[in-house]
Amino acid sequence: PDGTLLYRTRRIEQAGRRKRFLAERPDGRGGWQPGLDKRARRVLYRSPELAGADLVEPVYLVEGERKADKLASWGLIATACAFGAKGWRDEYAAQLADRVVAILPDNDDDGRAFAQRARASIARAGGRAVIVELPDLAAKGADIMDWAGTADELRALAEAALRPAANLKLPVEL
């Protein structure tokens, strides 16, 4: 949150192979060492912006850094955790305590599992999180990068998900 570089992840894509992510930490001499120290403090991506953001504004949680950057370019408060859908840790939730969080999962089983884990973890830490399903996404991992909507449409989806009354079906008395 104070801008100190703790670690980085590098995305490696090669034709015909699955993308890989490698963690690296500063070596103290201006270079990088592979892996993370087990004692390394884990922080959410874009932590300085998150720390300085208005607490009443929703935070948009996505599975990857590119997605968070896209949302930030739309003027939204956005973050991600290292290593995508399988990288969520409860220690990230403490950074979202007292926040309202709109989780945007990828449209696949890993994305939905990530969203459920993150939502429960954030709630335990004192935050309020909702899962926002983006309409008209293709199956098999489509995400905010593939979505044809706008920032205003995303804000409206998040606001609707965050309104408790919008999700309640009240009985009708005759």
C-alpha atoms as a PDB file:
ATOM      1  CA  PRO A   1       0.000   0.000   0.000  1.00  0.00           C
ATOM      2  CA  ASP A   2       2.898   2.427   0.538  1.00  0.00           C
ATOM      3  CA  GLY A   3       4.268   1.748  -2.954  1.00  0.00           C
ATOM      4  CA  THR A   4       7.095  -0.589  -1.891  1.00  0.00           C
ATOM      5  CA  LEU A   5       7.638  -3.280  -4.514  1.00  0.00           C
ATOM      6  CA  LEU A   6       7.208  -6.642  -2.769  1.00  0.00           C
ATOM      7  CA  TYR A   7       6.994  -9.061  -5.697  1.00  0.00           C
ATOM      8  CA  ARG A   8       5.794  -9.346  -9.257  1.00  0.00           C
ATOM      9  CA  THR A   9       4.170 -11.952 -11.444  1.00  0.00           C
ATOM     10  CA  ARG A  10       5.155 -12.440 -15.052  1.00  0.00           C
ATOM     11  CA  ARG A  11       2.705 -13.828 -17.583  1.00  0.00           C
ATOM     12  CA  ILE A  12       4.327 -16.188 -20.083  1.00  0.00           C
ATOM     13  CA  GLU A  13       2.433 -17.264 -23.188  1.00  0.00           C
ATOM     14  CA  GLN A  14       3.787 -19.570 -25.846  1.00  0.00           C
ATOM     15  CA  ALA A  15       1.947 -20.782 -28.915  1.00  0.00           C
ATOM     16  CA  GLY A  16       0.294 -24.137 -28.321  1.00  0.00           C
ATOM     17  CA  ARG A  17       0.854 -24.054 -24.556  1.00  0.00           C
ATOM     18  CA  ARG A  18      -1.173 -22.890 -21.580  1.00  0.00           C
ATOM     19  CA  LYS A  19      -0.245 -19.502 -20.189  1.00  0.00           C
ATOM     20  CA  ARG A  20       1.983 -19.604 -17.107  1.00  0.00           C
ATOM     21  CA  PHE A  21       2.604 -17.139 -14.336  1.00  0.00           C
ATOM     22  CA  LEU A  22       5.950 -16.874 -12.581  1.00  0.00           C
ATOM     23  CA  ALA A  23       6.460 -15.129  -9.266  1.00  0.00           C
ATOM     24  CA  GLU A  24       9.634 -13.135  -8.673  1.00  0.00           C
ATOM     25  CA  ARG A  25      10.924 -11.079  -5.769  1.00  0.00           C
ATOM     26  CA  PRO A  26      13.531  -8.307  -5.662  1.00  0.00           C
ATOM     27  CA  ASP A  27      17.020  -9.651  -4.983  1.00  0.00           C
ATOM     28  CA  GLY A  28      18.184  -6.462  -3.219  1.00  0.00           C
ATOM     29  CA  ARG A  29      20.670  -5.611  -6.002  1.00  0.00           C
ATOM     30  CA  GLY A  30      18.278  -4.317  -8.648  1.00  0.00           C
ATOM     31  CA  GLY A  31      17.470  -7.728 -10.100  1.00  0.00           C
ATOM     32  CA  TRP A  32      14.964 -10.475  -9.502  1.00  0.00           C
ATOM     33  CA  GLN A  33      14.938 -13.896  -7.846  1.00  0.00           C
ATOM     34  CA  PRO A  34      12.461 -16.598  -8.782  1.00  0.00           C
ATOM     35  CA  GLY A  35       9.667 -17.461  -6.360  1.00  0.00           C
ATOM     36  CA  LEU A  36       8.188 -15.782  -3.324  1.00  0.00           C
ATOM     37  CA  ASP A  37       9.557 -15.884   0.173  1.00  0.00           C
ATOM     38  CA  LYS A  38       7.031 -17.842   2.270  1.00  0.00           C
ATOM     39  CA  ARG A  39       7.026 -14.961   4.745  1.00  0.00           C
ATOM     40  CA  ALA A  40       6.320 -12.386   2.052  1.00  0.00           C
ATOM     41  CA  ARG A  41       3.378 -10.171   2.784  1.00  0.00           C
ATOM     42  CA  ARG A  42       0.758 -10.608   0.085  1.00  0.00           C
ATOM     43  CA  VAL A  43      -1.063  -7.514  -1.114  1.00  0.00           C
ATOM     44  CA  LEU A  44      -3.767  -6.932  -3.658  1.00  0.00           C
ATOM     45  CA  TYR A  45      -2.835  -5.533  -7.053  1.00  0.00           C
ATOM     46  CA  ARG A  46      -3.050  -1.726  -7.255  1.00  0.00           C
ATOM     47  CA  SER A  47      -2.783  -1.522  -3.441  1.00  0.00           C
ATOM     48  CA  PRO A  48      -1.696   2.149  -3.355  1.00  0.00           C
ATOM     49  CA  GLU A  49      -4.811   3.179  -5.301  1.00  0.00           C
ATOM     50  CA  LEU A  50      -6.988   0.946  -3.154  1.00  0.00           C
ATOM     51  CA  ALA A  51      -5.571   2.380   0.075  1.00  0.00           C
ATOM     52  CA  GLY A  52      -6.235   5.935  -1.093  1.00  0.00           C
ATOM     53  CA  ALA A  53      -9.736   5.307  -2.464  1.00  0.00           C
ATOM     54  CA  ASP A  54     -12.957   6.612  -0.970  1.00  0.00           C
ATOM     55  CA  LEU A  55     -14.456   3.915   1.278  1.00  0.00           C
ATOM     56  CA  VAL A  56     -17.962   4.479  -0.090  1.00  0.00           C
ATOM     57  CA  GLU A  57     -16.923   3.665  -3.666  1.00  0.00           C
ATOM     58  CA  PRO A  58     -17.188   0.001  -4.664  1.00  0.00           C
ATOM     59  CA  VAL A  59     -14.046  -1.960  -5.374  1.00  0.00           C
ATOM     60  CA  TYR A  60     -14.148  -4.218  -8.428  1.00  0.00           C
ATOM     61  CA  LEU A  61     -12.312  -7.504  -7.830  1.00  0.00           C
ATOM     62  CA  VAL A  62     -11.236  -9.471 -10.902  1.00  0.00           C
ATOM     63  CA  GLU A  63      -9.022 -12.482 -11.530  1.00  0.00           C
ATOM     64  CA  GLY A  64      -6.081 -10.801 -13.237  1.00  0.00           C
ATOM     65  CA  GLU A  65      -4.000  -7.664 -13.409  1.00  0.00           C
ATOM     66  CA  ARG A  66      -4.878  -6.822 -17.036  1.00  0.00           C
ATOM     67  CA  LYS A  67      -8.556  -6.882 -16.105  1.00  0.00           C
ATOM     68  CA  ALA A  68      -7.980  -4.611 -13.117  1.00  0.00           C
ATOM     69  CA  ASP A  69      -6.046  -2.210 -15.336  1.00  0.00           C
ATOM     70  CA  LYS A  70      -8.921  -2.121 -17.837  1.00  0.00           C
ATOM     71  CA  LEU A  71     -11.410  -1.255 -15.085  1.00  0.00           C
ATOM     72  CA  ALA A  72      -9.079   1.383 -13.640  1.00  0.00           C
ATOM     73  CA  SER A  73      -8.860   2.946 -17.114  1.00  0.00           C
ATOM     74  CA  TRP A  74     -12.658   3.279 -16.878  1.00  0.00           C
ATOM     75  CA  GLY A  75     -12.253   5.286 -13.668  1.00  0.00           C
ATOM     76  CA  LEU A  76     -13.218   2.431 -11.351  1.00  0.00           C
ATOM     77  CA  ILE A  77     -11.405   1.250  -8.240  1.00  0.00           C
ATOM     78  CA  ALA A  78     -10.128  -2.144  -9.305  1.00  0.00           C
ATOM     79  CA  THR A  79      -7.925  -4.847  -7.879  1.00  0.00           C
ATOM     80  CA  ALA A  80      -6.871  -8.461  -8.374  1.00  0.00           C
ATOM     81  CA  CYS A  81      -4.884 -11.058  -6.501  1.00  0.00           C
ATOM     82  CA  ALA A  82      -1.744 -12.717  -7.755  1.00  0.00           C
ATOM     83  CA  PHE A  83      -2.222 -15.998  -9.624  1.00  0.00           C
ATOM     84  CA  GLY A  84      -5.839 -15.466 -10.679  1.00  0.00           C
ATOM     85  CA  ALA A  85      -8.720 -17.714  -9.722  1.00  0.00           C
ATOM     86  CA  LYS A  86      -6.632 -20.087  -7.634  1.00  0.00           C
ATOM     87  CA  GLY A  87      -4.628 -17.361  -5.921  1.00  0.00           C
ATOM     88  CA  TRP A  88      -7.177 -16.065  -3.388  1.00  0.00           C
ATOM     89  CA  ARG A  89      -5.938 -15.974   0.217  1.00  0.00           C
ATOM     90  CA  ASP A  90      -7.838 -14.883   3.302  1.00  0.00           C
ATOM     91  CA  GLU A  91      -5.138 -12.298   4.022  1.00  0.00           C
ATOM     92  CA  TYR A  92      -6.376 -10.368   0.978  1.00  0.00           C
ATOM     93  CA  ALA A  93      -9.806 -10.024   2.599  1.00  0.00           C
ATOM     94  CA  ALA A  94      -8.365  -7.948   5.452  1.00  0.00           C
ATOM     95  CA  GLN A  95      -7.401  -5.352   2.823  1.00  0.00           C
ATOM     96  CA  LEU A  96     -11.075  -5.165   1.830  1.00  0.00           C
ATOM     97  CA  ALA A  97     -12.594  -4.985   5.317  1.00  0.00           C
ATOM     98  CA  ASP A  98     -15.160  -2.179   5.596  1.00  0.00           C
ATOM     99  CA  ARG A  99     -15.352  -2.032   1.796  1.00  0.00           C
ATOM    100  CA  VAL A 100     -18.082  -2.799  -0.693  1.00  0.00           C
ATOM    101  CA  VAL A 101     -16.736  -5.203  -3.302  1.00  0.00           C
ATOM    102  CA  ALA A 102     -18.192  -6.217  -6.667  1.00  0.00           C
ATOM    103  CA  ILE A 103     -16.586  -9.484  -7.754  1.00  0.00           C
ATOM    104  CA  LEU A 104     -16.471 -10.104 -11.515  1.00  0.00           C
ATOM    105  CA  PRO A 105     -15.707 -13.800 -12.048  1.00  0.00           C
ATOM    106  CA  ASP A 106     -14.541 -15.296 -15.300  1.00  0.00           C
ATOM    107  CA  ASN A 107     -17.315 -17.330 -16.924  1.00  0.00           C
ATOM    108  CA  ASP A 108     -16.031 -20.788 -15.954  1.00  0.00           C
ATOM    109  CA  ASP A 109     -16.037 -23.136 -12.971  1.00  0.00           C
ATOM    110  CA  ASP A 110     -12.726 -21.784 -11.620  1.00  0.00           C
ATOM    111  CA  GLY A 111     -14.057 -18.230 -11.861  1.00  0.00           C
ATOM    112  CA  ARG A 112     -17.268 -19.071 -10.025  1.00  0.00           C
ATOM    113  CA  ALA A 113     -15.347 -20.932  -7.290  1.00  0.00           C
ATOM    114  CA  PHE A 114     -12.980 -17.950  -6.930  1.00  0.00           C
ATOM    115  CA  ALA A 115     -15.934 -15.573  -6.568  1.00  0.00           C
ATOM    116  CA  GLN A 116     -17.589 -17.725  -3.893  1.00  0.00           C
ATOM    117  CA  ARG A 117     -14.331 -18.089  -1.907  1.00  0.00           C
ATOM    118  CA  ALA A 118     -13.535 -14.389  -2.116  1.00  0.00           C
ATOM    119  CA  ARG A 119     -17.080 -13.314  -1.173  1.00  0.00           C
ATOM    120  CA  ALA A 120     -17.139 -15.535   1.930  1.00  0.00           C
ATOM    121  CA  SER A 121     -13.647 -14.443   2.953  1.00  0.00           C
ATOM    122  CA  ILE A 122     -14.444 -10.734   2.530  1.00  0.00           C
ATOM    123  CA  ALA A 123     -17.640 -11.122   4.577  1.00  0.00           C
ATOM    124  CA  ARG A 124     -15.682 -12.793   7.416  1.00  0.00           C
ATOM    125  CA  ALA A 125     -13.260  -9.841   7.370  1.00  0.00           C
ATOM    126  CA  GLY A 126     -16.084  -7.315   7.690  1.00  0.00           C
ATOM    127  CA  GLY A 127     -16.518  -6.279   4.084  1.00  0.00           C
ATOM    128  CA  ARG A 128     -19.592  -6.621   1.910  1.00  0.00           C
ATOM    129  CA  ALA A 129     -19.160  -8.455  -1.381  1.00  0.00           C
ATOM    130  CA  VAL A 130     -21.499  -9.388  -4.195  1.00  0.00           C
ATOM    131  CA  ILE A 131     -20.893 -11.421  -7.307  1.00  0.00           C
ATOM    132  CA  VAL A 132     -21.748  -9.609 -10.529  1.00  0.00           C
ATOM    133  CA  GLU A 133     -22.393 -11.901 -13.490  1.00  0.00           C
ATOM    134  CA  LEU A 134     -21.704 -10.105 -16.747  1.00  0.00           C
ATOM    135  CA  PRO A 135     -24.460 -10.695 -19.307  1.00  0.00           C
ATOM    136  CA  ASP A 136     -23.822 -12.160 -22.735  1.00  0.00           C
ATOM    137  CA  LEU A 137     -20.412 -13.669 -22.011  1.00  0.00           C
ATOM    138  CA  ALA A 138     -19.346 -16.705 -23.984  1.00  0.00           C
ATOM    139  CA  ALA A 139     -18.708 -19.877 -22.014  1.00  0.00           C
ATOM    140  CA  LYS A 140     -15.272 -21.247 -21.171  1.00  0.00           C
ATOM    141  CA  GLY A 141     -13.587 -18.417 -19.354  1.00  0.00           C
ATOM    142  CA  ALA A 142     -14.833 -15.286 -21.061  1.00  0.00           C
ATOM    143  CA  ASP A 143     -14.396 -12.263 -18.814  1.00  0.00           C
ATOM    144  CA  ILE A 144     -14.482  -8.464 -18.606  1.00  0.00           C
ATOM    145  CA  MET A 145     -11.890  -8.296 -21.399  1.00  0.00           C
ATOM    146  CA  ASP A 146     -14.418  -9.969 -23.727  1.00  0.00           C
ATOM    147  CA  TRP A 147     -17.495  -8.108 -22.510  1.00  0.00           C
ATOM    148  CA  ALA A 148     -18.993  -5.569 -24.919  1.00  0.00           C
ATOM    149  CA  GLY A 149     -20.508  -3.419 -22.161  1.00  0.00           C
ATOM    150  CA  THR A 150     -19.427   0.003 -20.923  1.00  0.00           C
ATOM    151  CA  ALA A 151     -18.273   1.403 -17.606  1.00  0.00           C
ATOM    152  CA  ASP A 152     -21.723   2.891 -17.009  1.00  0.00           C
ATOM    153  CA  GLU A 153     -23.383  -0.457 -17.708  1.00  0.00           C
ATOM    154  CA  LEU A 154     -20.999  -2.180 -15.307  1.00  0.00           C
ATOM    155  CA  ARG A 155     -21.680   0.407 -12.604  1.00  0.00           C
ATOM    156  CA  ALA A 156     -25.419  -0.168 -13.059  1.00  0.00           C
ATOM    157  CA  LEU A 157     -24.997  -3.955 -12.767  1.00  0.00           C
ATOM    158  CA  ALA A 158     -22.937  -3.563  -9.599  1.00  0.00           C
ATOM    159  CA  GLU A 159     -25.401  -1.090  -8.081  1.00  0.00           C
ATOM    160  CA  ALA A 160     -28.295  -3.449  -8.791  1.00  0.00           C
ATOM    161  CA  ALA A 161     -26.448  -6.359  -7.178  1.00  0.00           C
ATOM    162  CA  LEU A 162     -25.611  -4.235  -4.140  1.00  0.00           C
ATOM    163  CA  ARG A 163     -29.210  -3.065  -3.568  1.00  0.00           C
ATOM    164  CA  PRO A 164     -30.649  -5.531  -1.041  1.00  0.00           C
ATOM    165  CA  ALA A 165     -34.252  -4.866  -2.074  1.00  0.00           C
ATOM    166  CA  ALA A 166     -33.455  -5.646  -5.692  1.00  0.00           C
ATOM    167  CA  ASN A 167     -32.649  -9.227  -4.731  1.00  0.00           C
ATOM    168  CA  LEU A 168     -35.649  -9.879  -2.475  1.00  0.00           C
ATOM    169  CA  LYS A 169     -38.868 -11.459  -3.645  1.00  0.00           C
ATOM    170  CA  LEU A 170     -41.541 -10.318  -1.247  1.00  0.00           C
ATOM    171  CA  PRO A 171     -44.747 -12.351  -0.821  1.00  0.00           C
ATOM    172  CA  VAL A 172     -47.833 -10.825  -2.306  1.00  0.00           C
ATOM    173  CA  GLU A 173     -50.838 -10.630   0.011  1.00  0.00           C
ATOM    174  CA  LEU A 174     -54.256 -11.008  -1.532  1.00  0.00           C
END
